[in-house]
Amino acid sequence: MASGIIKQIFLFPEKGQPGIESSCAICIKNIGIQGDRFAKGGPKQVTAVDSKAWNWVHTHPNTGLCFKKFKANIVIDGLDFSSLQAGDILSCHGVSFEVSPEEKECFPDCILASKEIFCSLKSGVIYLKILDSGEIQTNSSIVVL
């Protein structure tokens, strides 16, 4: 069974403001993370990023167009995102997530996309739908069921 560790959790309560790092988050079924302005239901209720992609973005801060705009709710270490498919179920402390078919899109005018240069975000981001409500915490295991 594949698994990873939730390393960071972020909430984005207000547009234009930086994310607020938290040690825990309340996940609401079919909505999103409580207190997050993106909690509006749909297929992109939670944005998860692989820790390697997250670190890559932060060591190349002025490279991609979306680097300043990209918002991730959870940073996961040790889970191979490339092995995940739409419909896969992840679980953490009784909270169940479904991997969305939605994929991270690139901005056509991004220098990386326009020159077909590797961007770690393209393969290092998944969107999740919350199937079962509950609380997640940092340093908790998240497993693929």
C-alpha atoms as a PDB file:
ATOM      1  CA  MET A   1       0.000   0.000   0.000  1.00  0.00           C
ATOM      2  CA  ALA A   2       1.503   3.322  -1.105  1.00  0.00           C
ATOM      3  CA  SER A   3       1.698   6.062   1.475  1.00  0.00           C
ATOM      4  CA  GLY A   4       3.192   9.440   2.260  1.00  0.00           C
ATOM      5  CA  ILE A   5       3.354  11.977   5.076  1.00  0.00           C
ATOM      6  CA  ILE A   6       1.505  15.299   5.220  1.00  0.00           C
ATOM      7  CA  LYS A   7       4.346  17.756   5.822  1.00  0.00           C
ATOM      8  CA  GLN A   8       2.477  21.079   5.642  1.00  0.00           C
ATOM      9  CA  ILE A   9      -1.097  22.339   5.594  1.00  0.00           C
ATOM     10  CA  PHE A  10      -2.125  25.772   4.294  1.00  0.00           C
ATOM     11  CA  LEU A  11      -5.393  27.701   4.399  1.00  0.00           C
ATOM     12  CA  PHE A  12      -6.130  30.628   2.116  1.00  0.00           C
ATOM     13  CA  PRO A  13      -8.921  32.638   3.769  1.00  0.00           C
ATOM     14  CA  GLU A  14      -8.598  35.861   1.754  1.00  0.00           C
ATOM     15  CA  LYS A  15      -7.791  36.663  -1.866  1.00  0.00           C
ATOM     16  CA  GLY A  16      -4.444  38.362  -2.324  1.00  0.00           C
ATOM     17  CA  GLN A  17      -3.169  37.290   1.077  1.00  0.00           C
ATOM     18  CA  PRO A  18      -0.511  34.661   1.729  1.00  0.00           C
ATOM     19  CA  GLY A  19      -1.569  31.261   2.966  1.00  0.00           C
ATOM     20  CA  ILE A  20      -1.735  30.546   6.664  1.00  0.00           C
ATOM     21  CA  GLU A  21       0.214  27.481   7.700  1.00  0.00           C
ATOM     22  CA  SER A  22      -1.591  25.257  10.173  1.00  0.00           C
ATOM     23  CA  SER A  23      -0.828  22.013  11.981  1.00  0.00           C
ATOM     24  CA  CYS A  24      -4.330  20.714  11.232  1.00  0.00           C
ATOM     25  CA  ALA A  25      -7.359  21.306   9.021  1.00  0.00           C
ATOM     26  CA  ILE A  26     -11.033  20.365   9.094  1.00  0.00           C
ATOM     27  CA  CYS A  27     -12.028  18.711   5.813  1.00  0.00           C
ATOM     28  CA  ILE A  28     -15.712  18.999   4.913  1.00  0.00           C
ATOM     29  CA  LYS A  29     -17.260  16.366   2.662  1.00  0.00           C
ATOM     30  CA  ASN A  30     -17.972  17.615  -0.874  1.00  0.00           C
ATOM     31  CA  ILE A  31     -16.894  21.175   0.057  1.00  0.00           C
ATOM     32  CA  GLY A  32     -13.197  21.589   0.937  1.00  0.00           C
ATOM     33  CA  ILE A  33     -11.122  22.745   3.878  1.00  0.00           C
ATOM     34  CA  GLN A  34     -12.926  24.805   6.504  1.00  0.00           C
ATOM     35  CA  GLY A  35     -11.752  28.430   6.419  1.00  0.00           C
ATOM     36  CA  ASP A  36     -10.267  28.157   2.921  1.00  0.00           C
ATOM     37  CA  ARG A  37     -11.696  30.519   0.310  1.00  0.00           C
ATOM     38  CA  PHE A  38     -11.438  27.774  -2.312  1.00  0.00           C
ATOM     39  CA  ALA A  39     -13.816  25.493  -0.351  1.00  0.00           C
ATOM     40  CA  LYS A  40     -16.645  25.625  -2.873  1.00  0.00           C
ATOM     41  CA  GLY A  41     -17.164  21.987  -3.818  1.00  0.00           C
ATOM     42  CA  GLY A  42     -16.443  20.676  -7.289  1.00  0.00           C
ATOM     43  CA  PRO A  43     -13.509  18.529  -8.382  1.00  0.00           C
ATOM     44  CA  LYS A  44     -10.763  20.787  -6.935  1.00  0.00           C
ATOM     45  CA  GLN A  45     -11.702  20.902  -3.242  1.00  0.00           C
ATOM     46  CA  VAL A  46      -8.140  20.360  -1.999  1.00  0.00           C
ATOM     47  CA  THR A  47      -4.894  21.026  -3.841  1.00  0.00           C
ATOM     48  CA  ALA A  48      -2.054  18.679  -2.935  1.00  0.00           C
ATOM     49  CA  VAL A  49       1.551  19.068  -4.040  1.00  0.00           C
ATOM     50  CA  ASP A  50       4.420  16.629  -3.856  1.00  0.00           C
ATOM     51  CA  SER A  51       7.116  17.888  -1.464  1.00  0.00           C
ATOM     52  CA  LYS A  52       9.799  17.554  -4.161  1.00  0.00           C
ATOM     53  CA  ALA A  53       7.779  19.770  -6.525  1.00  0.00           C
ATOM     54  CA  TRP A  54       7.090  22.210  -3.666  1.00  0.00           C
ATOM     55  CA  ASN A  55      10.803  22.456  -2.857  1.00  0.00           C
ATOM     56  CA  TRP A  56      11.702  22.814  -6.546  1.00  0.00           C
ATOM     57  CA  VAL A  57       9.319  25.763  -6.926  1.00  0.00           C
ATOM     58  CA  HIS A  58      10.797  27.454  -3.871  1.00  0.00           C
ATOM     59  CA  THR A  59      14.344  27.103  -5.214  1.00  0.00           C
ATOM     60  CA  HIS A  60      13.277  28.534  -8.618  1.00  0.00           C
ATOM     61  CA  PRO A  61      10.979  31.352  -7.408  1.00  0.00           C
ATOM     62  CA  ASN A  62      11.084  33.554 -10.495  1.00  0.00           C
ATOM     63  CA  THR A  63      10.934  30.853 -13.136  1.00  0.00           C
ATOM     64  CA  GLY A  64       7.309  29.931 -13.801  1.00  0.00           C
ATOM     65  CA  LEU A  65       4.415  32.300 -14.302  1.00  0.00           C
ATOM     66  CA  CYS A  66       2.202  30.547 -11.751  1.00  0.00           C
ATOM     67  CA  PHE A  67       4.852  30.149  -9.042  1.00  0.00           C
ATOM     68  CA  LYS A  68       3.583  33.246  -7.238  1.00  0.00           C
ATOM     69  CA  LYS A  69      -0.073  32.390  -7.904  1.00  0.00           C
ATOM     70  CA  PHE A  70      -0.022  28.667  -7.125  1.00  0.00           C
ATOM     71  CA  LYS A  71      -1.756  27.736  -3.870  1.00  0.00           C
ATOM     72  CA  ALA A  72      -1.432  24.280  -2.307  1.00  0.00           C
ATOM     73  CA  ASN A  73      -3.433  23.176   0.715  1.00  0.00           C
ATOM     74  CA  ILE A  74      -1.306  20.172   1.588  1.00  0.00           C
ATOM     75  CA  VAL A  75       2.315  19.249   0.931  1.00  0.00           C
ATOM     76  CA  ILE A  76       2.866  15.493   0.868  1.00  0.00           C
ATOM     77  CA  ASP A  77       6.229  13.772   1.170  1.00  0.00           C
ATOM     78  CA  GLY A  78       6.967  10.267  -0.069  1.00  0.00           C
ATOM     79  CA  LEU A  79       3.864   9.582  -2.170  1.00  0.00           C
ATOM     80  CA  ASP A  80       4.520   8.915  -5.854  1.00  0.00           C
ATOM     81  CA  PHE A  81       2.017  11.235  -7.546  1.00  0.00           C
ATOM     82  CA  SER A  82       2.840   9.764 -10.958  1.00  0.00           C
ATOM     83  CA  SER A  83       1.329   6.440  -9.863  1.00  0.00           C
ATOM     84  CA  LEU A  84      -2.004   8.023  -8.908  1.00  0.00           C
ATOM     85  CA  GLN A  85      -4.986   7.996 -11.236  1.00  0.00           C
ATOM     86  CA  ALA A  86      -8.340   9.760 -11.231  1.00  0.00           C
ATOM     87  CA  GLY A  87     -10.668   7.894  -8.891  1.00  0.00           C
ATOM     88  CA  ASP A  88      -7.939   6.600  -6.556  1.00  0.00           C
ATOM     89  CA  ILE A  89      -8.838   6.956  -2.882  1.00  0.00           C
ATOM     90  CA  LEU A  90      -6.474   8.402  -0.280  1.00  0.00           C
ATOM     91  CA  SER A  91      -7.094   8.260   3.459  1.00  0.00           C
ATOM     92  CA  CYS A  92      -5.736  10.159   6.469  1.00  0.00           C
ATOM     93  CA  HIS A  93      -7.205   9.880   9.989  1.00  0.00           C
ATOM     94  CA  GLY A  94     -10.544   8.704   8.610  1.00  0.00           C
ATOM     95  CA  VAL A  95     -10.736  11.507   6.042  1.00  0.00           C
ATOM     96  CA  SER A  96     -11.129  10.033   2.565  1.00  0.00           C
ATOM     97  CA  PHE A  97     -10.150  11.853  -0.598  1.00  0.00           C
ATOM     98  CA  GLU A  98     -10.756  10.959  -4.237  1.00  0.00           C
ATOM     99  CA  VAL A  99      -8.141  11.938  -6.814  1.00  0.00           C
ATOM    100  CA  SER A 100      -9.829  14.262  -9.297  1.00  0.00           C
ATOM    101  CA  PRO A 101      -9.476  13.862 -13.061  1.00  0.00           C
ATOM    102  CA  GLU A 102      -8.589  17.583 -13.184  1.00  0.00           C
ATOM    103  CA  GLU A 103      -4.912  18.255 -13.844  1.00  0.00           C
ATOM    104  CA  LYS A 104      -2.683  21.242 -13.157  1.00  0.00           C
ATOM    105  CA  GLU A 105      -2.863  23.463 -16.207  1.00  0.00           C
ATOM    106  CA  CYS A 106      -0.059  25.648 -17.410  1.00  0.00           C
ATOM    107  CA  PHE A 107      -0.459  29.242 -18.508  1.00  0.00           C
ATOM    108  CA  PRO A 108       0.290  29.440 -22.268  1.00  0.00           C
ATOM    109  CA  ASP A 109       2.365  32.581 -21.738  1.00  0.00           C
ATOM    110  CA  CYS A 110       4.545  30.975 -19.044  1.00  0.00           C
ATOM    111  CA  ILE A 111       8.164  30.864 -20.188  1.00  0.00           C
ATOM    112  CA  LEU A 112       8.414  27.223 -19.108  1.00  0.00           C
ATOM    113  CA  ALA A 113       5.301  26.114 -20.995  1.00  0.00           C
ATOM    114  CA  SER A 114       6.032  28.180 -24.091  1.00  0.00           C
ATOM    115  CA  LYS A 115       9.548  26.729 -24.393  1.00  0.00           C
ATOM    116  CA  GLU A 116       8.478  23.242 -23.249  1.00  0.00           C
ATOM    117  CA  ILE A 117      10.874  23.384 -20.296  1.00  0.00           C
ATOM    118  CA  PHE A 118      10.329  20.961 -17.417  1.00  0.00           C
ATOM    119  CA  CYS A 119       8.145  22.242 -14.595  1.00  0.00           C
ATOM    120  CA  SER A 120       7.831  20.129 -11.480  1.00  0.00           C
ATOM    121  CA  LEU A 121       4.310  21.408 -10.814  1.00  0.00           C
ATOM    122  CA  LYS A 122       2.924  19.771 -13.954  1.00  0.00           C
ATOM    123  CA  SER A 123       3.406  16.273 -12.522  1.00  0.00           C
ATOM    124  CA  GLY A 124       3.646  17.188  -8.847  1.00  0.00           C
ATOM    125  CA  VAL A 125       0.106  18.471  -8.232  1.00  0.00           C
ATOM    126  CA  ILE A 126      -3.150  16.596  -7.711  1.00  0.00           C
ATOM    127  CA  TYR A 127      -6.610  17.829  -6.900  1.00  0.00           C
ATOM    128  CA  LEU A 128      -8.740  15.997  -4.365  1.00  0.00           C
ATOM    129  CA  LYS A 129     -12.423  15.718  -3.588  1.00  0.00           C
ATOM    130  CA  ILE A 130     -13.349  15.060   0.062  1.00  0.00           C
ATOM    131  CA  LEU A 131     -15.475  11.926   0.434  1.00  0.00           C
ATOM    132  CA  ASP A 132     -15.514  11.685   4.251  1.00  0.00           C
ATOM    133  CA  SER A 133     -15.214  14.648   6.626  1.00  0.00           C
ATOM    134  CA  GLY A 134     -12.740  14.881   9.480  1.00  0.00           C
ATOM    135  CA  GLU A 135      -9.481  16.429  10.589  1.00  0.00           C
ATOM    136  CA  ILE A 136      -6.050  15.996   9.044  1.00  0.00           C
ATOM    137  CA  GLN A 137      -2.795  16.892  10.765  1.00  0.00           C
ATOM    138  CA  THR A 138       0.787  17.479   9.763  1.00  0.00           C
ATOM    139  CA  ASN A 139       3.161  14.543  10.166  1.00  0.00           C
ATOM    140  CA  SER A 140       0.250  12.157   9.599  1.00  0.00           C
ATOM    141  CA  SER A 141       0.364   9.279   7.165  1.00  0.00           C
ATOM    142  CA  ILE A 142      -1.795   9.499   4.050  1.00  0.00           C
ATOM    143  CA  VAL A 143      -2.320   6.177   2.289  1.00  0.00           C
ATOM    144  CA  VAL A 144      -3.644   5.036  -1.052  1.00  0.00           C
ATOM    145  CA  LEU A 145      -6.443   2.531  -0.452  1.00  0.00           C
END
